[in-house]
Amino acid sequence: MKYPVRRPLANREDVQEMVDTFYAKVRQDPLIGPIFDDVAKVNWDEHLPKLYDFWSDLLLGTDDYKGRPFPPHRPLGLEIPHFERWLQHFIGTVDELFIGLKADEAKVRALRIARNFSINLGLIEI
């Protein structure tokens, strides 16, 4: 198996590669894939561009994302193992593709998102 050359995460194309690679893994995962496809019934053609905007906004300061990411997650029945698996795939994807400060920032932001969502869902206390 040939591994990609890791490089700094630097632009929207990198963000798109990160998001596409990550969600390809998520959709194949037996624990969390069904939440996206069967429970939330995500329309990927609509959702992926929103995710590109979300992560571009967070990591590159593009101000492209409009919305509130938490509310759609409330009714999905998420539990701590779902967030742990999501993080495992996210961090693994970033580490597979990228190096540097923006890659580190992406991982830290993902950890914060998982923590904040878990708190807001009442799964953990602060």
N, C-alpha and C. Protein backbone atom coordinates (compact mmCIF):
# COMPACT_ATOMS: atom_id res chain seq x y z
N MET A 1 0.84 -1.18 0.00
CA MET A 1 0.00 0.00 0.00
C MET A 1 0.89 1.24 0.00
N LYS A 2 0.57 2.18 -0.86
CA LYS A 2 1.34 3.42 -0.95
C LYS A 2 0.65 4.49 -0.12
N TYR A 3 1.42 5.16 0.71
CA TYR A 3 0.88 6.21 1.55
C TYR A 3 1.12 7.57 0.91
N PRO A 4 0.18 8.49 1.10
CA PRO A 4 0.38 9.83 0.53
C PRO A 4 1.52 10.55 1.23
N VAL A 5 2.11 11.50 0.53
CA VAL A 5 3.12 12.35 1.13
C VAL A 5 2.41 13.34 2.03
N ARG A 6 2.76 13.33 3.30
CA ARG A 6 2.14 14.25 4.23
C ARG A 6 2.67 15.66 3.99
N ARG A 7 1.79 16.62 4.10
CA ARG A 7 2.15 18.01 3.80
C ARG A 7 1.34 18.93 4.73
N PRO A 8 1.71 20.19 4.79
CA PRO A 8 0.92 21.12 5.60
C PRO A 8 -0.49 21.29 5.03
N LEU A 9 -1.44 21.43 5.90
CA LEU A 9 -2.82 21.72 5.53
C LEU A 9 -2.87 23.23 5.28
N ALA A 10 -3.09 23.63 4.03
CA ALA A 10 -2.85 25.03 3.71
C ALA A 10 -3.98 25.76 2.99
N ASN A 11 -4.94 25.03 2.39
CA ASN A 11 -5.93 25.71 1.58
C ASN A 11 -7.24 24.92 1.54
N ARG A 12 -8.22 25.47 0.84
CA ARG A 12 -9.53 24.82 0.79
C ARG A 12 -9.46 23.44 0.13
N GLU A 13 -8.62 23.27 -0.86
CA GLU A 13 -8.48 21.96 -1.50
C GLU A 13 -8.00 20.92 -0.48
N ASP A 14 -7.09 21.32 0.40
CA ASP A 14 -6.64 20.42 1.46
C ASP A 14 -7.78 20.08 2.42
N VAL A 15 -8.56 21.09 2.76
CA VAL A 15 -9.72 20.86 3.63
C VAL A 15 -10.68 19.88 2.97
N GLN A 16 -10.94 20.06 1.70
CA GLN A 16 -11.85 19.16 0.98
C GLN A 16 -11.30 17.73 0.97
N GLU A 17 -10.00 17.59 0.76
CA GLU A 17 -9.40 16.26 0.79
C GLU A 17 -9.55 15.63 2.17
N MET A 18 -9.32 16.42 3.21
CA MET A 18 -9.47 15.93 4.58
C MET A 18 -10.90 15.48 4.84
N VAL A 19 -11.87 16.32 4.49
CA VAL A 19 -13.28 16.01 4.73
C VAL A 19 -13.71 14.80 3.92
N ASP A 20 -13.37 14.75 2.64
CA ASP A 20 -13.76 13.62 1.80
C ASP A 20 -13.16 12.30 2.29
N THR A 21 -11.88 12.33 2.63
CA THR A 21 -11.21 11.11 3.11
C THR A 21 -11.80 10.66 4.43
N PHE A 22 -12.02 11.60 5.33
CA PHE A 22 -12.58 11.30 6.64
C PHE A 22 -13.98 10.70 6.52
N TYR A 23 -14.86 11.35 5.77
CA TYR A 23 -16.23 10.86 5.69
C TYR A 23 -16.35 9.58 4.87
N ALA A 24 -15.43 9.30 3.98
CA ALA A 24 -15.41 8.00 3.32
C ALA A 24 -15.17 6.90 4.35
N LYS A 25 -14.29 7.16 5.31
CA LYS A 25 -14.03 6.20 6.39
C LYS A 25 -15.25 6.08 7.31
N VAL A 26 -15.81 7.22 7.67
CA VAL A 26 -16.97 7.24 8.57
C VAL A 26 -18.12 6.44 7.99
N ARG A 27 -18.39 6.63 6.73
CA ARG A 27 -19.53 5.95 6.09
C ARG A 27 -19.35 4.45 6.05
N GLN A 28 -18.11 3.97 6.07
CA GLN A 28 -17.85 2.53 6.07
C GLN A 28 -17.80 1.94 7.48
N ASP A 29 -17.78 2.79 8.49
CA ASP A 29 -17.64 2.32 9.86
C ASP A 29 -18.96 1.70 10.36
N PRO A 30 -18.93 0.49 10.90
CA PRO A 30 -20.16 -0.16 11.33
C PRO A 30 -20.83 0.49 12.55
N LEU A 31 -20.09 1.24 13.35
CA LEU A 31 -20.68 1.90 14.51
C LEU A 31 -21.31 3.24 14.15
N ILE A 32 -20.60 4.07 13.43
CA ILE A 32 -21.12 5.41 13.19
C ILE A 32 -21.65 5.64 11.78
N GLY A 33 -21.28 4.81 10.83
CA GLY A 33 -21.79 4.96 9.48
C GLY A 33 -23.31 4.95 9.41
N PRO A 34 -23.97 4.00 10.09
CA PRO A 34 -25.43 3.97 10.05
C PRO A 34 -26.10 5.22 10.63
N ILE A 35 -25.45 5.89 11.54
CA ILE A 35 -26.04 7.12 12.09
C ILE A 35 -26.17 8.16 10.99
N PHE A 36 -25.16 8.27 10.16
CA PHE A 36 -25.20 9.25 9.08
C PHE A 36 -26.17 8.83 7.98
N ASP A 37 -26.10 7.57 7.58
CA ASP A 37 -26.89 7.14 6.42
C ASP A 37 -28.30 6.69 6.76
N ASP A 38 -28.50 6.03 7.92
CA ASP A 38 -29.81 5.47 8.25
C ASP A 38 -30.62 6.33 9.22
N VAL A 39 -29.95 6.92 10.20
CA VAL A 39 -30.66 7.73 11.20
C VAL A 39 -30.83 9.16 10.70
N ALA A 40 -29.73 9.83 10.40
CA ALA A 40 -29.80 11.23 9.95
C ALA A 40 -30.19 11.33 8.47
N LYS A 41 -30.00 10.24 7.74
CA LYS A 41 -30.31 10.22 6.30
C LYS A 41 -29.66 11.40 5.57
N VAL A 42 -28.36 11.53 5.79
CA VAL A 42 -27.59 12.64 5.22
C VAL A 42 -27.62 12.58 3.70
N ASN A 43 -27.92 13.71 3.10
CA ASN A 43 -27.76 13.89 1.66
C ASN A 43 -26.33 14.40 1.47
N TRP A 44 -25.44 13.51 1.06
CA TRP A 44 -24.02 13.84 1.01
C TRP A 44 -23.70 14.92 0.00
N ASP A 45 -24.46 14.98 -1.10
CA ASP A 45 -24.21 16.02 -2.10
C ASP A 45 -24.47 17.42 -1.53
N GLU A 46 -25.40 17.53 -0.59
CA GLU A 46 -25.66 18.82 0.07
C GLU A 46 -24.77 19.02 1.28
N HIS A 47 -24.51 17.94 2.00
CA HIS A 47 -23.82 18.06 3.29
C HIS A 47 -22.32 18.31 3.15
N LEU A 48 -21.67 17.65 2.21
CA LEU A 48 -20.21 17.81 2.09
C LEU A 48 -19.80 19.26 1.84
N PRO A 49 -20.46 20.02 0.95
CA PRO A 49 -20.06 21.42 0.80
C PRO A 49 -20.20 22.23 2.09
N LYS A 50 -21.19 21.90 2.91
CA LYS A 50 -21.33 22.58 4.21
C LYS A 50 -20.15 22.24 5.11
N LEU A 51 -19.72 20.99 5.05
CA LEU A 51 -18.57 20.58 5.86
C LEU A 51 -17.29 21.23 5.37
N TYR A 52 -17.15 21.38 4.06
CA TYR A 52 -15.98 22.11 3.53
C TYR A 52 -15.98 23.54 4.07
N ASP A 53 -17.15 24.18 4.05
CA ASP A 53 -17.26 25.55 4.55
C ASP A 53 -16.95 25.61 6.04
N PHE A 54 -17.51 24.67 6.80
CA PHE A 54 -17.31 24.63 8.25
C PHE A 54 -15.82 24.54 8.59
N TRP A 55 -15.14 23.53 8.01
CA TRP A 55 -13.73 23.34 8.35
C TRP A 55 -12.84 24.42 7.74
N SER A 56 -13.20 24.94 6.58
CA SER A 56 -12.43 26.06 6.01
C SER A 56 -12.54 27.29 6.89
N ASP A 57 -13.74 27.51 7.41
CA ASP A 57 -13.95 28.64 8.31
C ASP A 57 -13.10 28.48 9.57
N LEU A 58 -13.16 27.29 10.18
CA LEU A 58 -12.41 27.06 11.42
C LEU A 58 -10.90 27.14 11.22
N LEU A 59 -10.42 26.53 10.16
CA LEU A 59 -8.97 26.40 10.00
C LEU A 59 -8.32 27.49 9.17
N LEU A 60 -9.09 28.07 8.26
CA LEU A 60 -8.50 29.06 7.35
C LEU A 60 -9.10 30.45 7.51
N GLY A 61 -10.13 30.57 8.35
CA GLY A 61 -10.75 31.87 8.59
C GLY A 61 -11.50 32.42 7.39
N THR A 62 -12.11 31.55 6.59
CA THR A 62 -12.75 31.99 5.36
C THR A 62 -14.10 32.66 5.56
N ASP A 63 -14.74 32.44 6.69
CA ASP A 63 -16.07 33.00 6.98
C ASP A 63 -17.12 32.50 5.97
N ASP A 64 -16.95 31.25 5.51
CA ASP A 64 -17.87 30.67 4.55
C ASP A 64 -19.06 29.97 5.21
N TYR A 65 -18.86 29.46 6.42
CA TYR A 65 -19.90 28.65 7.06
C TYR A 65 -20.98 29.52 7.68
N LYS A 66 -22.20 29.17 7.37
CA LYS A 66 -23.36 29.83 7.98
C LYS A 66 -24.22 28.73 8.58
N GLY A 67 -24.45 28.81 9.85
CA GLY A 67 -25.28 27.79 10.48
C GLY A 67 -24.85 27.52 11.90
N ARG A 68 -25.52 26.56 12.49
CA ARG A 68 -25.24 26.13 13.85
C ARG A 68 -25.05 24.61 13.80
N PRO A 69 -23.85 24.13 14.03
CA PRO A 69 -23.60 22.70 13.83
C PRO A 69 -24.23 21.78 14.87
N PHE A 70 -24.48 22.25 16.08
CA PHE A 70 -24.95 21.33 17.11
C PHE A 70 -26.40 20.87 16.96
N PRO A 71 -27.38 21.74 16.75
CA PRO A 71 -28.78 21.31 16.80
C PRO A 71 -29.14 20.07 15.98
N PRO A 72 -28.63 19.89 14.75
CA PRO A 72 -29.01 18.68 14.02
C PRO A 72 -28.52 17.37 14.67
N HIS A 73 -27.55 17.47 15.57
CA HIS A 73 -27.01 16.28 16.22
C HIS A 73 -27.83 15.85 17.44
N ARG A 74 -28.63 16.75 17.97
CA ARG A 74 -29.38 16.47 19.19
C ARG A 74 -30.26 15.22 19.09
N PRO A 75 -31.04 15.03 18.02
CA PRO A 75 -31.98 13.89 18.01
C PRO A 75 -31.37 12.55 17.53
N LEU A 76 -30.07 12.47 17.37
CA LEU A 76 -29.49 11.28 16.74
C LEU A 76 -29.17 10.13 17.69
N GLY A 77 -29.35 10.33 18.98
CA GLY A 77 -29.07 9.27 19.94
C GLY A 77 -27.59 8.97 20.10
N LEU A 78 -26.77 9.98 19.99
CA LEU A 78 -25.33 9.81 20.08
C LEU A 78 -24.90 9.50 21.50
N GLU A 79 -23.87 8.66 21.61
CA GLU A 79 -23.28 8.28 22.89
C GLU A 79 -21.77 8.46 22.80
N ILE A 80 -21.10 8.37 23.93
CA ILE A 80 -19.65 8.57 24.00
C ILE A 80 -18.90 7.68 22.99
N PRO A 81 -19.23 6.39 22.84
CA PRO A 81 -18.49 5.59 21.86
C PRO A 81 -18.58 6.14 20.43
N HIS A 82 -19.68 6.80 20.09
CA HIS A 82 -19.80 7.41 18.76
C HIS A 82 -18.79 8.54 18.59
N PHE A 83 -18.67 9.36 19.61
CA PHE A 83 -17.71 10.47 19.55
C PHE A 83 -16.28 9.95 19.54
N GLU A 84 -16.01 8.90 20.32
CA GLU A 84 -14.67 8.32 20.33
C GLU A 84 -14.29 7.78 18.96
N ARG A 85 -15.22 7.11 18.29
CA ARG A 85 -14.94 6.56 16.96
C ARG A 85 -14.77 7.68 15.96
N TRP A 86 -15.63 8.71 16.04
CA TRP A 86 -15.54 9.87 15.15
C TRP A 86 -14.15 10.49 15.28
N LEU A 87 -13.71 10.68 16.51
CA LEU A 87 -12.38 11.26 16.75
C LEU A 87 -11.27 10.36 16.24
N GLN A 88 -11.40 9.07 16.44
CA GLN A 88 -10.40 8.13 15.96
C GLN A 88 -10.21 8.28 14.45
N HIS A 89 -11.31 8.32 13.72
CA HIS A 89 -11.21 8.48 12.26
C HIS A 89 -10.70 9.86 11.88
N PHE A 90 -11.16 10.89 12.58
CA PHE A 90 -10.74 12.25 12.23
C PHE A 90 -9.24 12.42 12.45
N ILE A 91 -8.78 12.10 13.62
CA ILE A 91 -7.35 12.26 13.94
C ILE A 91 -6.51 11.37 13.04
N GLY A 92 -6.96 10.15 12.79
CA GLY A 92 -6.23 9.26 11.88
C GLY A 92 -6.13 9.82 10.48
N THR A 93 -7.21 10.41 10.01
CA THR A 93 -7.22 11.00 8.66
C THR A 93 -6.26 12.18 8.58
N VAL A 94 -6.32 13.06 9.56
CA VAL A 94 -5.42 14.22 9.56
C VAL A 94 -3.97 13.76 9.61
N ASP A 95 -3.68 12.79 10.49
CA ASP A 95 -2.30 12.30 10.61
C ASP A 95 -1.83 11.58 9.34
N GLU A 96 -2.75 10.96 8.64
CA GLU A 96 -2.41 10.26 7.41
C GLU A 96 -2.03 11.23 6.29
N LEU A 97 -2.70 12.39 6.26
CA LEU A 97 -2.56 13.30 5.13
C LEU A 97 -1.68 14.52 5.39
N PHE A 98 -1.66 15.01 6.63
CA PHE A 98 -1.09 16.34 6.87
C PHE A 98 -0.14 16.38 8.06
N ILE A 99 0.69 17.40 8.05
CA ILE A 99 1.60 17.72 9.14
C ILE A 99 1.48 19.22 9.43
N GLY A 100 2.03 19.65 10.53
CA GLY A 100 2.15 21.08 10.80
C GLY A 100 1.09 21.65 11.72
N LEU A 101 1.16 22.96 11.87
CA LEU A 101 0.31 23.66 12.83
C LEU A 101 -1.17 23.56 12.50
N LYS A 102 -1.54 23.71 11.25
CA LYS A 102 -2.97 23.63 10.88
C LYS A 102 -3.50 22.22 11.09
N ALA A 103 -2.68 21.22 10.83
CA ALA A 103 -3.09 19.84 11.09
C ALA A 103 -3.32 19.65 12.57
N ASP A 104 -2.41 20.15 13.38
CA ASP A 104 -2.58 20.07 14.83
C ASP A 104 -3.83 20.82 15.28
N GLU A 105 -4.05 21.99 14.70
CA GLU A 105 -5.23 22.78 15.03
C GLU A 105 -6.51 22.02 14.68
N ALA A 106 -6.53 21.35 13.54
CA ALA A 106 -7.71 20.58 13.14
C ALA A 106 -8.02 19.51 14.17
N LYS A 107 -7.00 18.83 14.67
CA LYS A 107 -7.21 17.77 15.67
C LYS A 107 -7.71 18.35 16.99
N VAL A 108 -7.13 19.47 17.41
CA VAL A 108 -7.57 20.10 18.64
C VAL A 108 -9.02 20.58 18.52
N ARG A 109 -9.35 21.16 17.39
CA ARG A 109 -10.73 21.63 17.19
C ARG A 109 -11.71 20.46 17.17
N ALA A 110 -11.33 19.34 16.57
CA ALA A 110 -12.20 18.16 16.58
C ALA A 110 -12.41 17.65 18.00
N LEU A 111 -11.35 17.64 18.79
CA LEU A 111 -11.49 17.23 20.19
C LEU A 111 -12.44 18.15 20.94
N ARG A 112 -12.32 19.44 20.72
CA ARG A 112 -13.20 20.41 21.38
C ARG A 112 -14.65 20.24 20.93
N ILE A 113 -14.86 20.00 19.65
CA ILE A 113 -16.21 19.79 19.14
C ILE A 113 -16.83 18.56 19.79
N ALA A 114 -16.09 17.46 19.82
CA ALA A 114 -16.61 16.24 20.43
C ALA A 114 -16.91 16.46 21.91
N ARG A 115 -16.04 17.15 22.60
CA ARG A 115 -16.26 17.43 24.02
C ARG A 115 -17.48 18.32 24.22
N ASN A 116 -17.59 19.40 23.45
CA ASN A 116 -18.71 20.32 23.61
C ASN A 116 -20.04 19.65 23.26
N PHE A 117 -20.06 18.88 22.19
CA PHE A 117 -21.29 18.17 21.83
C PHE A 117 -21.66 17.18 22.94
N SER A 118 -20.67 16.47 23.48
CA SER A 118 -20.94 15.52 24.56
C SER A 118 -21.49 16.21 25.80
N ILE A 119 -20.96 17.37 26.12
CA ILE A 119 -21.47 18.15 27.25
C ILE A 119 -22.89 18.60 26.96
N ASN A 120 -23.13 19.16 25.79
CA ASN A 120 -24.46 19.67 25.43
C ASN A 120 -25.51 18.58 25.36
N LEU A 121 -25.09 17.35 25.07
CA LEU A 121 -26.02 16.22 25.05
C LEU A 121 -26.19 15.59 26.43
N GLY A 122 -25.48 16.10 27.43
CA GLY A 122 -25.58 15.57 28.78
C GLY A 122 -24.85 14.25 28.98
N LEU A 123 -23.90 13.97 28.12
CA LEU A 123 -23.16 12.71 28.22
C LEU A 123 -21.99 12.79 29.19
N ILE A 124 -21.44 13.99 29.35
CA ILE A 124 -20.37 14.22 30.32
C ILE A 124 -20.65 15.54 31.02
N GLU A 125 -20.09 15.65 32.20
CA GLU A 125 -20.20 16.90 32.97
C GLU A 125 -18.85 17.56 33.01
N ILE A 126 -18.89 18.89 33.16
CA ILE A 126 -17.60 19.61 33.27
C ILE A 126 -17.35 19.95 34.72
